[in-house]
N, C-alpha and C. Protein backbone atom coordinates (compact mmCIF):
# COMPACT_ATOMS: atom_id res chain seq x y z
N PRO A 1 67.49 -29.89 -64.35
CA PRO A 1 65.85 -30.42 -65.10
C PRO A 1 64.63 -30.39 -64.36
N TYR A 2 63.68 -30.17 -65.74
CA TYR A 2 62.35 -30.09 -64.72
C TYR A 2 61.81 -31.20 -65.96
N GLY A 3 60.75 -31.76 -64.79
CA GLY A 3 59.28 -32.74 -65.15
C GLY A 3 58.03 -32.17 -65.47
N VAL A 4 57.73 -32.07 -66.22
CA VAL A 4 56.29 -31.87 -65.53
C VAL A 4 55.01 -32.69 -65.47
N CYS A 5 53.70 -32.16 -64.71
CA CYS A 5 52.88 -32.69 -63.88
C CYS A 5 51.91 -32.11 -64.09
N LYS A 6 50.39 -32.67 -63.71
CA LYS A 6 49.69 -31.54 -63.66
C LYS A 6 49.31 -30.96 -62.36
N THR A 7 50.24 -30.61 -61.51
CA THR A 7 49.89 -29.88 -60.95
C THR A 7 51.46 -28.49 -61.12
N GLY A 8 52.51 -29.00 -62.24
CA GLY A 8 53.17 -28.17 -62.90
C GLY A 8 54.37 -28.69 -62.33
N PRO A 9 55.47 -27.55 -62.48
CA PRO A 9 56.29 -28.22 -62.64
C PRO A 9 57.53 -28.82 -61.35
N VAL A 10 58.19 -29.61 -61.68
CA VAL A 10 58.67 -30.22 -60.48
C VAL A 10 60.16 -30.29 -61.23
N ILE A 11 61.03 -29.69 -59.63
CA ILE A 11 62.49 -29.90 -59.81
C ILE A 11 63.01 -30.88 -59.41
N VAL A 12 64.05 -31.89 -60.36
CA VAL A 12 64.60 -33.37 -60.08
C VAL A 12 65.38 -33.33 -59.96
N GLU A 13 66.48 -33.46 -58.46
CA GLU A 13 67.48 -33.02 -58.20
C GLU A 13 68.85 -33.63 -59.02
N ALA A 14 69.75 -32.92 -59.50
CA ALA A 14 71.06 -34.47 -59.98
C ALA A 14 71.31 -35.58 -58.50
N PRO A 15 71.93 -36.48 -58.73
CA PRO A 15 71.84 -37.07 -58.02
C PRO A 15 73.18 -36.72 -57.18
N ALA A 16 73.80 -36.84 -56.07
CA ALA A 16 74.83 -36.41 -55.86
C ALA A 16 76.10 -37.27 -56.08
N THR A 17 77.33 -36.36 -55.94
CA THR A 17 78.97 -37.40 -56.36
C THR A 17 79.20 -38.27 -55.37
N PRO A 18 78.90 -39.42 -55.82
CA PRO A 18 79.85 -40.45 -55.58
C PRO A 18 80.45 -39.73 -54.65
N ILE A 19 80.79 -40.13 -53.48
CA ILE A 19 81.95 -39.67 -52.16
C ILE A 19 82.96 -39.89 -52.91
N GLY A 20 84.07 -41.26 -53.34
CA GLY A 20 84.94 -41.57 -54.13
C GLY A 20 85.55 -41.26 -54.91
N VAL A 21 84.23 -40.21 -55.95
CA VAL A 21 84.94 -40.13 -57.11
C VAL A 21 84.99 -37.92 -56.38
N LEU A 22 84.35 -37.77 -55.75
CA LEU A 22 84.59 -36.33 -55.57
C LEU A 22 85.85 -36.28 -54.53
N ALA A 23 86.08 -37.47 -54.29
CA ALA A 23 86.98 -37.33 -53.13
C ALA A 23 88.98 -37.16 -53.94
N THR A 24 88.47 -37.96 -55.24
CA THR A 24 90.04 -38.24 -56.61
C THR A 24 89.72 -36.36 -57.33
N ARG A 25 88.12 -36.00 -57.26
CA ARG A 25 88.49 -34.47 -57.81
C ARG A 25 89.01 -33.50 -57.08
N PHE A 26 89.18 -34.03 -55.17
CA PHE A 26 89.37 -32.82 -54.50
C PHE A 26 90.71 -32.96 -54.34
N ALA A 27 91.32 -34.42 -54.27
CA ALA A 27 92.41 -34.88 -53.97
C ALA A 27 93.41 -33.90 -55.42
N ALA A 28 93.11 -34.21 -56.18
CA ALA A 28 93.36 -33.40 -57.60
C ALA A 28 93.46 -32.38 -57.64
N GLY A 29 92.50 -31.36 -56.97
CA GLY A 29 92.54 -29.66 -56.80
C GLY A 29 91.42 -29.10 -57.66
N ASP A 30 90.40 -29.86 -57.81
CA ASP A 30 89.23 -29.60 -58.52
C ASP A 30 88.89 -28.53 -57.69
N GLU A 31 88.50 -27.30 -57.99
CA GLU A 31 88.07 -26.11 -56.81
C GLU A 31 86.30 -26.53 -56.78
N SER A 32 85.80 -26.74 -57.31
CA SER A 32 84.36 -27.21 -57.62
C SER A 32 84.43 -28.50 -56.63
N ALA A 33 84.98 -29.49 -56.34
CA ALA A 33 84.72 -29.78 -55.49
C ALA A 33 84.63 -30.13 -53.48
N LEU A 34 85.80 -28.65 -53.84
CA LEU A 34 85.83 -28.15 -53.23
C LEU A 34 84.34 -27.62 -52.44
N GLN A 35 83.96 -26.70 -53.18
CA GLN A 35 82.60 -26.35 -53.15
C GLN A 35 81.60 -27.22 -52.65
N GLU A 36 81.32 -28.15 -53.66
CA GLU A 36 81.11 -29.55 -53.46
C GLU A 36 81.03 -30.25 -51.81
N ALA A 37 82.16 -30.29 -51.56
CA ALA A 37 82.04 -30.54 -50.32
C ALA A 37 81.80 -29.60 -49.10
N PHE A 38 82.15 -28.17 -49.40
CA PHE A 38 81.83 -27.69 -47.86
C PHE A 38 79.98 -27.70 -48.11
N THR A 39 79.35 -27.72 -49.31
CA THR A 39 78.43 -27.86 -49.71
C THR A 39 77.38 -28.56 -48.93
N ARG A 40 78.01 -30.00 -48.70
CA ARG A 40 77.88 -31.34 -48.32
C ARG A 40 77.59 -31.43 -46.87
N TRP A 41 79.27 -30.80 -46.58
CA TRP A 41 79.66 -31.61 -45.03
C TRP A 41 79.67 -30.31 -44.48
N SER A 42 79.79 -29.06 -44.09
CA SER A 42 80.09 -28.26 -43.38
C SER A 42 78.95 -27.92 -42.51
N ARG A 43 77.42 -27.83 -42.91
CA ARG A 43 76.62 -28.50 -41.59
C ARG A 43 76.80 -29.32 -40.59
N LEU A 44 77.85 -30.57 -40.83
CA LEU A 44 77.52 -31.37 -39.77
C LEU A 44 79.30 -30.79 -39.03
N ILE A 45 80.43 -30.27 -39.90
CA ILE A 45 81.64 -30.04 -39.32
C ILE A 45 80.80 -28.76 -38.59
N HIS A 46 80.31 -28.04 -39.22
CA HIS A 46 79.72 -26.72 -37.76
C HIS A 46 79.00 -27.21 -36.35
N THR A 47 78.06 -28.41 -36.51
CA THR A 47 77.56 -29.17 -35.41
C THR A 47 77.98 -29.66 -34.53
N ILE A 48 78.93 -30.24 -34.78
CA ILE A 48 80.46 -31.05 -34.12
C ILE A 48 81.37 -30.08 -33.67
N ALA A 49 81.42 -28.96 -33.92
CA ALA A 49 82.33 -28.05 -33.62
C ALA A 49 82.10 -27.32 -32.59
N ARG A 50 80.44 -26.97 -32.32
CA ARG A 50 79.56 -26.23 -32.00
C ARG A 50 79.43 -26.92 -30.82
N SER A 51 78.59 -28.09 -31.04
CA SER A 51 78.54 -29.10 -29.85
C SER A 51 79.55 -29.05 -28.90
N SER A 52 80.95 -29.48 -29.34
CA SER A 52 82.29 -29.22 -28.36
C SER A 52 82.63 -27.63 -28.00
N LEU A 53 82.54 -26.80 -28.45
CA LEU A 53 82.95 -25.17 -27.92
C LEU A 53 81.98 -24.27 -27.34
N GLY A 54 80.60 -25.15 -27.65
CA GLY A 54 79.62 -23.96 -27.16
C GLY A 54 79.25 -23.01 -27.79
N SER A 55 79.78 -22.57 -28.51
CA SER A 55 79.77 -21.17 -29.45
C SER A 55 79.68 -21.33 -30.95
N SER A 56 78.16 -20.82 -31.18
CA SER A 56 78.33 -20.33 -32.71
C SER A 56 79.29 -19.65 -33.88
N ASP A 57 79.56 -19.00 -32.51
CA ASP A 57 80.76 -18.17 -33.73
C ASP A 57 81.96 -18.77 -33.76
N ASP A 58 82.29 -19.55 -32.58
CA ASP A 58 83.81 -20.13 -32.90
C ASP A 58 83.31 -21.44 -33.55
N ALA A 59 82.52 -21.96 -33.66
CA ALA A 59 82.18 -23.53 -34.79
C ALA A 59 82.23 -22.56 -35.96
N ASP A 60 82.11 -20.91 -36.71
CA ASP A 60 82.36 -20.55 -37.61
C ASP A 60 83.52 -20.71 -37.97
N ASP A 61 84.36 -20.22 -37.23
CA ASP A 61 85.75 -20.34 -37.02
C ASP A 61 86.06 -21.87 -37.64
N VAL A 62 85.89 -22.88 -36.74
CA VAL A 62 86.77 -23.87 -37.09
C VAL A 62 86.05 -24.55 -38.26
N THR A 63 84.71 -24.38 -38.19
CA THR A 63 84.55 -24.43 -39.77
C THR A 63 85.19 -23.93 -41.18
N GLN A 64 85.60 -22.97 -41.17
CA GLN A 64 86.20 -21.93 -42.26
C GLN A 64 87.76 -22.81 -41.70
N GLN A 65 88.23 -23.37 -40.67
CA GLN A 65 89.37 -23.48 -40.65
C GLN A 65 89.58 -25.16 -41.71
N VAL A 66 88.97 -25.46 -41.11
CA VAL A 66 88.54 -27.13 -41.34
C VAL A 66 88.90 -27.43 -42.92
N PHE A 67 87.50 -26.54 -43.36
CA PHE A 67 88.23 -26.36 -45.22
C PHE A 67 89.32 -25.68 -45.67
N ILE A 68 89.84 -24.99 -45.23
CA ILE A 68 90.85 -24.15 -45.47
C ILE A 68 92.29 -25.43 -45.49
N ALA A 69 92.07 -26.03 -44.07
CA ALA A 69 92.99 -26.76 -43.91
C ALA A 69 93.29 -28.02 -45.07
N ALA A 70 92.10 -28.87 -45.02
CA ALA A 70 91.95 -29.57 -45.90
C ALA A 70 92.54 -29.60 -47.50
N TRP A 71 91.46 -28.31 -48.23
CA TRP A 71 92.55 -27.73 -49.20
C TRP A 71 93.91 -27.55 -48.75
N ASN A 72 94.71 -27.09 -48.17
CA ASN A 72 95.73 -27.40 -48.54
C ASN A 72 96.36 -28.20 -48.58
N SER A 73 95.76 -29.42 -47.64
CA SER A 73 96.40 -30.79 -47.73
C SER A 73 95.96 -31.67 -48.23
N ARG A 74 94.95 -31.07 -49.09
CA ARG A 74 94.18 -32.17 -50.43
C ARG A 74 95.54 -33.69 -50.79
N ALA A 75 96.35 -33.65 -51.30
CA ALA A 75 97.61 -34.08 -51.50
C ALA A 75 97.57 -35.47 -50.72
N SER A 76 96.96 -35.55 -48.90
CA SER A 76 96.80 -36.23 -48.45
C SER A 76 95.90 -36.92 -47.86
N LEU A 77 95.11 -36.42 -48.86
CA LEU A 77 93.90 -36.95 -48.49
C LEU A 77 94.06 -38.81 -49.46
N ARG A 78 93.17 -39.52 -49.09
CA ARG A 78 93.26 -41.07 -49.56
C ARG A 78 91.59 -41.26 -50.29
N ALA A 79 91.86 -41.19 -51.37
CA ALA A 79 90.09 -41.45 -52.31
C ALA A 79 89.98 -42.45 -52.23
N SER A 80 88.76 -42.81 -51.73
CA SER A 80 88.17 -43.96 -51.33
C SER A 80 86.78 -43.65 -51.47
N ASP A 81 86.03 -44.99 -50.57
CA ASP A 81 83.98 -44.43 -50.55
C ASP A 81 83.92 -43.53 -49.74
N GLU A 82 84.77 -43.55 -48.89
CA GLU A 82 84.09 -42.90 -47.11
C GLU A 82 85.32 -42.10 -46.92
N SER A 83 86.26 -42.21 -47.18
CA SER A 83 87.65 -40.86 -46.74
C SER A 83 87.26 -39.26 -46.79
N LEU A 84 86.67 -38.62 -47.41
CA LEU A 84 86.57 -37.82 -47.31
C LEU A 84 85.63 -36.94 -46.32
N PRO A 85 84.47 -37.52 -45.72
CA PRO A 85 83.79 -37.14 -44.81
C PRO A 85 84.87 -37.26 -43.55
N ALA A 86 85.14 -38.60 -43.31
CA ALA A 86 85.94 -38.96 -42.54
C ALA A 86 86.84 -37.92 -42.33
N TRP A 87 87.53 -37.43 -43.18
CA TRP A 87 89.02 -36.77 -43.56
C TRP A 87 88.71 -35.54 -42.90
N LEU A 88 87.84 -35.30 -43.43
CA LEU A 88 87.13 -33.45 -42.60
C LEU A 88 86.84 -33.84 -41.28
N ILE A 89 85.95 -34.63 -40.61
CA ILE A 89 85.89 -34.88 -39.53
C ILE A 89 87.16 -34.59 -38.38
N GLY A 90 87.95 -35.77 -38.85
CA GLY A 90 89.23 -35.59 -38.52
C GLY A 90 89.84 -34.63 -37.86
N ILE A 91 89.83 -33.71 -39.12
CA ILE A 91 90.34 -32.32 -39.03
C ILE A 91 89.60 -31.58 -37.98
N CYS A 92 88.75 -31.90 -38.37
CA CYS A 92 87.73 -30.73 -37.26
C CYS A 92 87.88 -30.81 -36.09
N ARG A 93 88.19 -32.02 -35.80
CA ARG A 93 88.31 -32.64 -33.95
C ARG A 93 90.08 -31.76 -33.85
N LEU A 94 90.49 -32.46 -34.95
CA LEU A 94 92.08 -30.95 -34.21
C LEU A 94 92.09 -29.63 -34.39
N LYS A 95 90.83 -29.08 -34.94
CA LYS A 95 91.14 -27.99 -35.11
C LYS A 95 90.11 -27.23 -33.55
N VAL A 96 89.09 -28.61 -33.25
CA VAL A 96 88.67 -28.02 -31.81
C VAL A 96 89.59 -28.42 -30.96
N ILE A 97 90.06 -28.91 -30.78
CA ILE A 97 91.25 -29.27 -29.65
C ILE A 97 91.95 -27.85 -30.10
N ASP A 98 92.86 -26.90 -30.86
CA ASP A 98 93.01 -26.03 -31.19
C ASP A 98 92.90 -25.28 -30.37
N ALA A 99 91.07 -24.55 -30.56
CA ALA A 99 90.22 -23.77 -30.28
C ALA A 99 90.89 -24.11 -28.88
N LEU A 100 90.30 -25.01 -27.68
CA LEU A 100 90.22 -25.45 -26.50
C LEU A 100 91.63 -25.32 -26.13
N ARG A 101 92.38 -25.41 -26.56
CA ARG A 101 93.97 -25.02 -25.89
C ARG A 101 93.95 -23.69 -26.51
N ALA A 102 93.39 -22.83 -27.77
CA ALA A 102 93.44 -21.25 -27.27
C ALA A 102 92.91 -20.52 -26.20
N ARG A 103 91.78 -21.18 -25.59
CA ARG A 103 90.90 -20.33 -24.82
C ARG A 103 91.77 -20.81 -23.83
N THR A 104 92.47 -21.76 -23.44
CA THR A 104 92.71 -22.07 -22.03
C THR A 104 94.14 -21.43 -22.04
N ARG A 105 94.97 -21.20 -22.93
CA ARG A 105 96.24 -20.20 -22.89
C ARG A 105 95.67 -19.00 -22.57
N ALA A 106 94.65 -18.42 -23.44
CA ALA A 106 93.83 -17.42 -23.32
C ALA A 106 93.02 -16.96 -21.53
N PHE A 107 93.05 -17.58 -21.24
CA PHE A 107 92.43 -17.59 -19.80
C PHE A 107 93.54 -18.03 -18.54
N ARG A 108 94.94 -18.39 -18.75
CA ARG A 108 95.27 -18.57 -17.98
C ARG A 108 96.72 -17.26 -18.13
N LYS A 109 96.60 -16.88 -19.32
CA LYS A 109 97.18 -15.05 -19.26
C LYS A 109 96.27 -14.42 -19.46
N ASP A 110 95.35 -14.59 -18.95
CA ASP A 110 94.16 -13.35 -18.48
C ASP A 110 94.48 -13.24 -16.34
N GLU A 111 94.55 -14.83 -16.32
CA GLU A 111 94.19 -15.20 -14.84
C GLU A 111 95.74 -14.56 -14.69
N ALA A 112 96.56 -14.55 -14.92
CA ALA A 112 98.26 -14.40 -15.05
C ALA A 112 98.11 -13.04 -14.82
N MET A 113 97.60 -12.27 -15.57
CA MET A 113 97.75 -10.91 -15.65
C MET A 113 96.94 -10.45 -14.24
N THR A 114 95.90 -10.93 -14.03
CA THR A 114 95.07 -10.35 -13.30
C THR A 114 95.86 -10.85 -11.71
N GLN A 115 96.55 -11.69 -11.70
CA GLN A 115 97.08 -12.30 -10.52
C GLN A 115 98.32 -11.44 -9.90
N GLU A 116 99.23 -10.75 -11.16
CA GLU A 116 100.46 -9.65 -11.04
C GLU A 116 99.62 -8.41 -10.45
N ALA A 117 98.23 -7.75 -11.40
CA ALA A 117 97.71 -6.49 -10.68
C ALA A 117 97.53 -7.02 -9.55
N LEU A 118 97.31 -7.74 -8.97
CA LEU A 118 96.56 -7.79 -7.21
C LEU A 118 97.76 -8.38 -6.50
N ALA A 119 98.78 -8.56 -7.05
CA ALA A 119 100.32 -8.62 -6.08
C ALA A 119 100.98 -7.54 -6.73
N GLY A 120 101.05 -6.64 -7.46
CA GLY A 120 102.06 -5.42 -7.37
C GLY A 120 101.60 -4.76 -6.53
N ASP A 121 102.81 -3.54 -6.10
CA ASP A 121 102.25 -2.70 -5.28
C ASP A 121 102.87 -1.44 -5.90
N PRO A 122 101.89 -0.75 -5.99
CA PRO A 122 101.71 0.41 -6.91
C PRO A 122 101.54 1.66 -5.91
N PRO A 123 102.02 2.22 -5.13
CA PRO A 123 102.56 3.08 -4.20
C PRO A 123 101.88 4.36 -5.15
N ILE A 124 102.63 4.95 -6.25
CA ILE A 124 102.50 6.34 -6.94
C ILE A 124 100.61 6.14 -7.83
N GLU A 125 100.62 5.35 -8.08
CA GLU A 125 99.13 4.71 -8.65
C GLU A 125 98.31 5.10 -7.64
N ALA A 126 98.74 4.59 -5.92
CA ALA A 126 97.34 4.34 -5.22
C ALA A 126 97.32 6.00 -4.06
N ALA A 127 98.23 6.85 -4.64
CA ALA A 127 98.57 7.94 -4.14
C ALA A 127 97.66 8.61 -4.68
N ARG A 128 97.88 8.66 -5.81
CA ARG A 128 96.86 9.53 -7.28
C ARG A 128 95.74 9.27 -7.19
N VAL A 129 95.06 7.98 -6.86
CA VAL A 129 94.00 7.69 -6.68
C VAL A 129 93.61 8.46 -5.64
N ASP A 130 94.71 8.28 -3.81
CA ASP A 130 93.28 8.79 -2.84
C ASP A 130 93.64 10.55 -3.46
N GLU A 131 94.72 11.02 -3.94
CA GLU A 131 94.47 12.37 -4.19
C GLU A 131 93.03 12.92 -5.14
N VAL A 132 92.89 11.71 -6.25
CA VAL A 132 91.22 12.58 -6.89
C VAL A 132 90.56 12.28 -6.30
N ILE A 133 90.44 11.17 -5.25
CA ILE A 133 88.90 11.04 -4.41
C ILE A 133 89.18 12.33 -2.99
N ASP A 134 90.13 12.47 -2.66
CA ASP A 134 90.09 13.35 -1.95
C ASP A 134 89.63 14.73 -2.09
N SER A 135 90.60 15.28 -3.72
CA SER A 135 89.86 16.14 -4.60
C SER A 135 88.59 16.39 -4.79
N VAL A 136 87.94 15.31 -5.52
CA VAL A 136 86.36 15.19 -5.47
C VAL A 136 85.81 15.58 -4.72
N ILE A 137 86.42 15.01 -3.02
CA ILE A 137 85.22 14.74 -1.58
C ILE A 137 85.41 16.93 -1.33
N ILE A 138 87.00 17.20 -1.56
CA ILE A 138 86.62 18.55 -1.26
C ILE A 138 85.76 20.07 -1.92
N HIS A 139 86.04 19.04 -3.22
CA HIS A 139 84.92 20.01 -4.57
C HIS A 139 84.09 20.23 -4.17
N ASP A 140 82.94 18.69 -3.40
CA ASP A 140 81.51 18.92 -3.07
C ASP A 140 81.43 19.20 -1.91
N ALA A 141 82.18 19.07 -0.97
CA ALA A 141 82.28 19.69 0.27
C ALA A 141 82.25 21.16 0.21
N LEU A 142 83.01 21.75 -0.84
CA LEU A 142 82.91 23.29 -0.08
C LEU A 142 82.05 23.60 -1.57
N ALA A 143 81.61 23.34 -2.91
CA ALA A 143 80.55 23.54 -3.41
C ALA A 143 79.25 23.23 -2.44
N ALA A 144 79.31 22.35 -1.44
CA ALA A 144 77.67 22.08 -0.77
C ALA A 144 77.95 23.50 0.46
N LEU A 145 78.47 24.41 0.53
CA LEU A 145 79.06 25.02 2.00
C LEU A 145 78.32 26.73 1.12
N GLY A 146 78.40 26.28 0.38
CA GLY A 146 77.45 27.52 -0.41
C GLY A 146 78.40 28.83 -0.66
N ASP A 147 77.98 29.68 -1.09
CA ASP A 147 78.78 31.22 -0.99
C ASP A 147 78.56 32.11 -0.07
N PRO A 148 79.07 33.39 0.33
CA PRO A 148 80.66 33.18 0.37
C PRO A 148 81.51 32.90 0.95
N ARG A 149 81.18 31.47 1.65
CA ARG A 149 81.93 30.64 2.78
C ARG A 149 82.46 29.65 1.62
N ALA A 150 82.32 29.34 0.70
CA ALA A 150 83.10 28.39 -0.16
C ALA A 150 84.23 29.07 -0.44
N THR A 151 84.09 30.58 -1.62
CA THR A 151 84.86 30.71 -2.18
C THR A 151 85.80 31.54 -0.83
N ILE A 152 85.53 31.87 0.26
CA ILE A 152 86.47 32.33 1.38
C ILE A 152 87.55 31.41 1.50
N LEU A 153 86.85 29.96 1.85
CA LEU A 153 87.64 28.69 2.33
C LEU A 153 88.78 28.35 0.76
N ARG A 154 88.61 28.93 -0.75
CA ARG A 154 89.42 28.68 -1.77
C ARG A 154 90.34 29.81 -1.91
N LEU A 155 90.19 31.13 -1.38
CA LEU A 155 91.32 31.95 -1.34
C LEU A 155 92.36 31.82 -0.11
N VAL A 156 91.72 31.40 0.95
CA VAL A 156 92.62 31.03 2.43
C VAL A 156 93.89 29.84 1.89
N TYR A 157 92.70 28.81 1.09
CA TYR A 157 93.69 27.35 1.22
C TYR A 157 94.32 26.98 0.34
N LEU A 158 93.39 26.97 -0.75
CA LEU A 158 94.00 26.88 -2.40
C LEU A 158 94.78 28.34 -2.88
N GLU A 159 94.44 29.11 -2.87
CA GLU A 159 95.52 30.10 -3.23
C GLU A 159 96.10 30.98 -2.10
N ASP A 160 96.04 30.66 -1.15
CA ASP A 160 96.88 30.61 0.07
C ASP A 160 96.79 32.33 0.01
N ARG A 161 95.58 32.50 0.42
CA ARG A 161 95.65 34.15 0.70
C ARG A 161 95.60 34.49 2.36
N THR A 162 95.38 35.19 2.62
CA THR A 162 95.08 36.20 4.41
C THR A 162 94.00 36.35 4.98
N HIS A 163 93.59 36.13 5.61
CA HIS A 163 92.52 36.74 5.72
C HIS A 163 91.84 38.06 5.63
N ASP A 164 93.13 38.67 5.93
CA ASP A 164 92.62 40.25 5.59
C ASP A 164 92.83 40.93 4.36
N GLU A 165 93.77 39.78 3.19
CA GLU A 165 93.55 40.05 1.88
C GLU A 165 91.89 39.59 1.17
N VAL A 166 91.34 38.52 2.05
CA VAL A 166 90.44 37.88 1.61
C VAL A 166 89.56 39.03 1.60
N ALA A 167 89.35 39.66 3.47
CA ALA A 167 88.16 40.77 3.55
C ALA A 167 88.32 42.02 2.52
N ARG A 168 88.99 41.79 2.16
CA ARG A 168 89.65 43.38 1.15
C ARG A 168 89.26 42.81 0.07
N ARG A 169 89.30 41.53 -0.50
CA ARG A 169 88.82 41.42 -1.68
C ARG A 169 87.34 41.33 -2.09
N LEU A 170 87.13 40.68 -0.85
CA LEU A 170 85.26 40.29 -0.78
C LEU A 170 84.27 41.27 -0.19
N ASP A 171 85.37 42.70 -0.04
CA ASP A 171 84.43 44.22 0.82
C ASP A 171 83.67 42.82 2.36
N LEU A 172 84.55 42.75 2.80
CA LEU A 172 83.39 41.62 4.36
C LEU A 172 84.37 41.95 5.18
N PRO A 173 83.90 41.94 6.53
CA PRO A 173 84.58 42.39 7.99
C PRO A 173 85.30 41.39 8.25
N LEU A 174 86.33 41.62 8.72
CA LEU A 174 87.73 40.32 9.33
C LEU A 174 87.21 39.47 9.77
N GLY A 175 86.27 39.88 11.02
CA GLY A 175 85.68 38.95 11.88
C GLY A 175 84.64 38.07 11.11
N THR A 176 83.75 38.53 10.09
CA THR A 176 83.28 37.50 9.08
C THR A 176 83.77 36.65 8.42
N VAL A 177 85.03 37.02 7.90
CA VAL A 177 85.70 36.14 7.81
C VAL A 177 86.12 34.97 7.95
N LYS A 178 86.67 35.34 9.55
CA LYS A 178 87.36 34.49 10.48
C LYS A 178 86.07 33.02 10.71
N SER A 179 85.08 34.06 10.91
CA SER A 179 84.26 33.51 11.55
C SER A 179 83.54 31.76 10.12
N HIS A 180 83.51 32.58 8.58
CA HIS A 180 83.42 31.26 7.40
C HIS A 180 84.76 30.34 7.36
N VAL A 181 85.34 31.08 8.09
CA VAL A 181 86.74 30.00 7.58
C VAL A 181 87.00 28.63 8.76
N ARG A 182 86.69 29.63 10.33
CA ARG A 182 86.01 28.63 11.08
C ARG A 182 85.44 27.40 10.79
N ARG A 183 83.73 28.20 10.73
CA ARG A 183 82.35 26.94 10.17
C ARG A 183 82.76 26.35 9.31
N GLY A 184 83.75 26.44 8.22
CA GLY A 184 84.03 25.92 7.23
C GLY A 184 84.82 25.12 7.25
N LEU A 185 86.11 25.18 8.26
CA LEU A 185 86.58 23.78 8.48
C LEU A 185 85.87 23.11 9.02
N GLU A 186 85.35 23.34 9.95
CA GLU A 186 84.58 22.39 11.04
C GLU A 186 83.58 21.57 9.93
N ARG A 187 82.71 22.13 9.01
CA ARG A 187 82.28 21.21 8.41
C ARG A 187 82.72 20.52 7.55
N LEU A 188 83.93 20.85 6.91
CA LEU A 188 84.73 20.03 5.98
C LEU A 188 85.36 18.89 6.87
N ARG A 189 85.71 18.99 8.02
CA ARG A 189 86.20 18.12 9.19
C ARG A 189 85.57 16.86 9.41
N ALA A 190 83.99 17.14 9.18
CA ALA A 190 83.07 16.17 9.41
C ALA A 190 82.59 15.59 8.14
N VAL A 191 83.13 16.25 7.07
CA VAL A 191 82.63 15.64 5.44
C VAL A 191 84.16 14.73 5.59
N PHE A 192 84.90 14.77 5.89
CA PHE A 192 86.36 13.50 6.00
C PHE A 192 86.00 12.66 7.15
N GLU A 193 85.71 12.97 8.12
CA GLU A 193 84.96 12.03 9.10
C GLU A 193 84.13 11.41 8.51
N GLU A 194 83.20 11.68 8.00
CA GLU A 194 81.73 10.55 7.65
C GLU A 194 82.73 9.71 6.18
N VAL A 195 83.39 10.33 5.79
CA VAL A 195 83.80 9.69 4.60
C VAL A 195 85.20 8.51 5.54
N ASP A 196 85.70 8.68 6.38
CA ASP A 196 86.52 7.89 6.66
C ASP A 196 85.65 6.54 7.53
N ALA A 197 84.57 7.17 8.09
CA ALA A 197 83.80 6.50 8.76
C ALA A 197 83.45 5.20 7.48
N ALA A 198 83.29 5.69 6.52
CA ALA A 198 82.56 4.60 5.79
C ALA A 198 83.53 3.63 5.06
């Protein structure tokens, strides 16, 4: 309803439904009573949940759970002047406790999984990791050698070619191939010693 004064229309809010009446309607399954209860007390429920859980997102979840639980158990509501908000707050406290317990269970599960992973002995996985690391180191070291030295070492040690075969394939003197192999191995050995030291 609107009233009129010299400054223009003024909205006159309808008085809030008495709590006892609202509780009676709520307990009887009146969905409009659920909506009104949510409008009147959801902010209070959210504030209690947020102060307890320290998270607005968790408080959103708890607030929703409170009103769902209240509606599902509405037959147990005692209709009196103060029962409805106190009842909702009581449900909120239970849901906060549930949320805290869920956090504790999740933390303990994560901790147990972490401890299990640390205590485990996976030699196969560790060996694979070492192989990957060695492969990367070798690849980078060969790339740093430049050609033709890197190509010669790949042919000799990765493709198992003889020095003569490499010399013919690359059209290089045999002595040059042997020299590149020797110096390349010296460089690779130095790289691995640096890695081991690190």
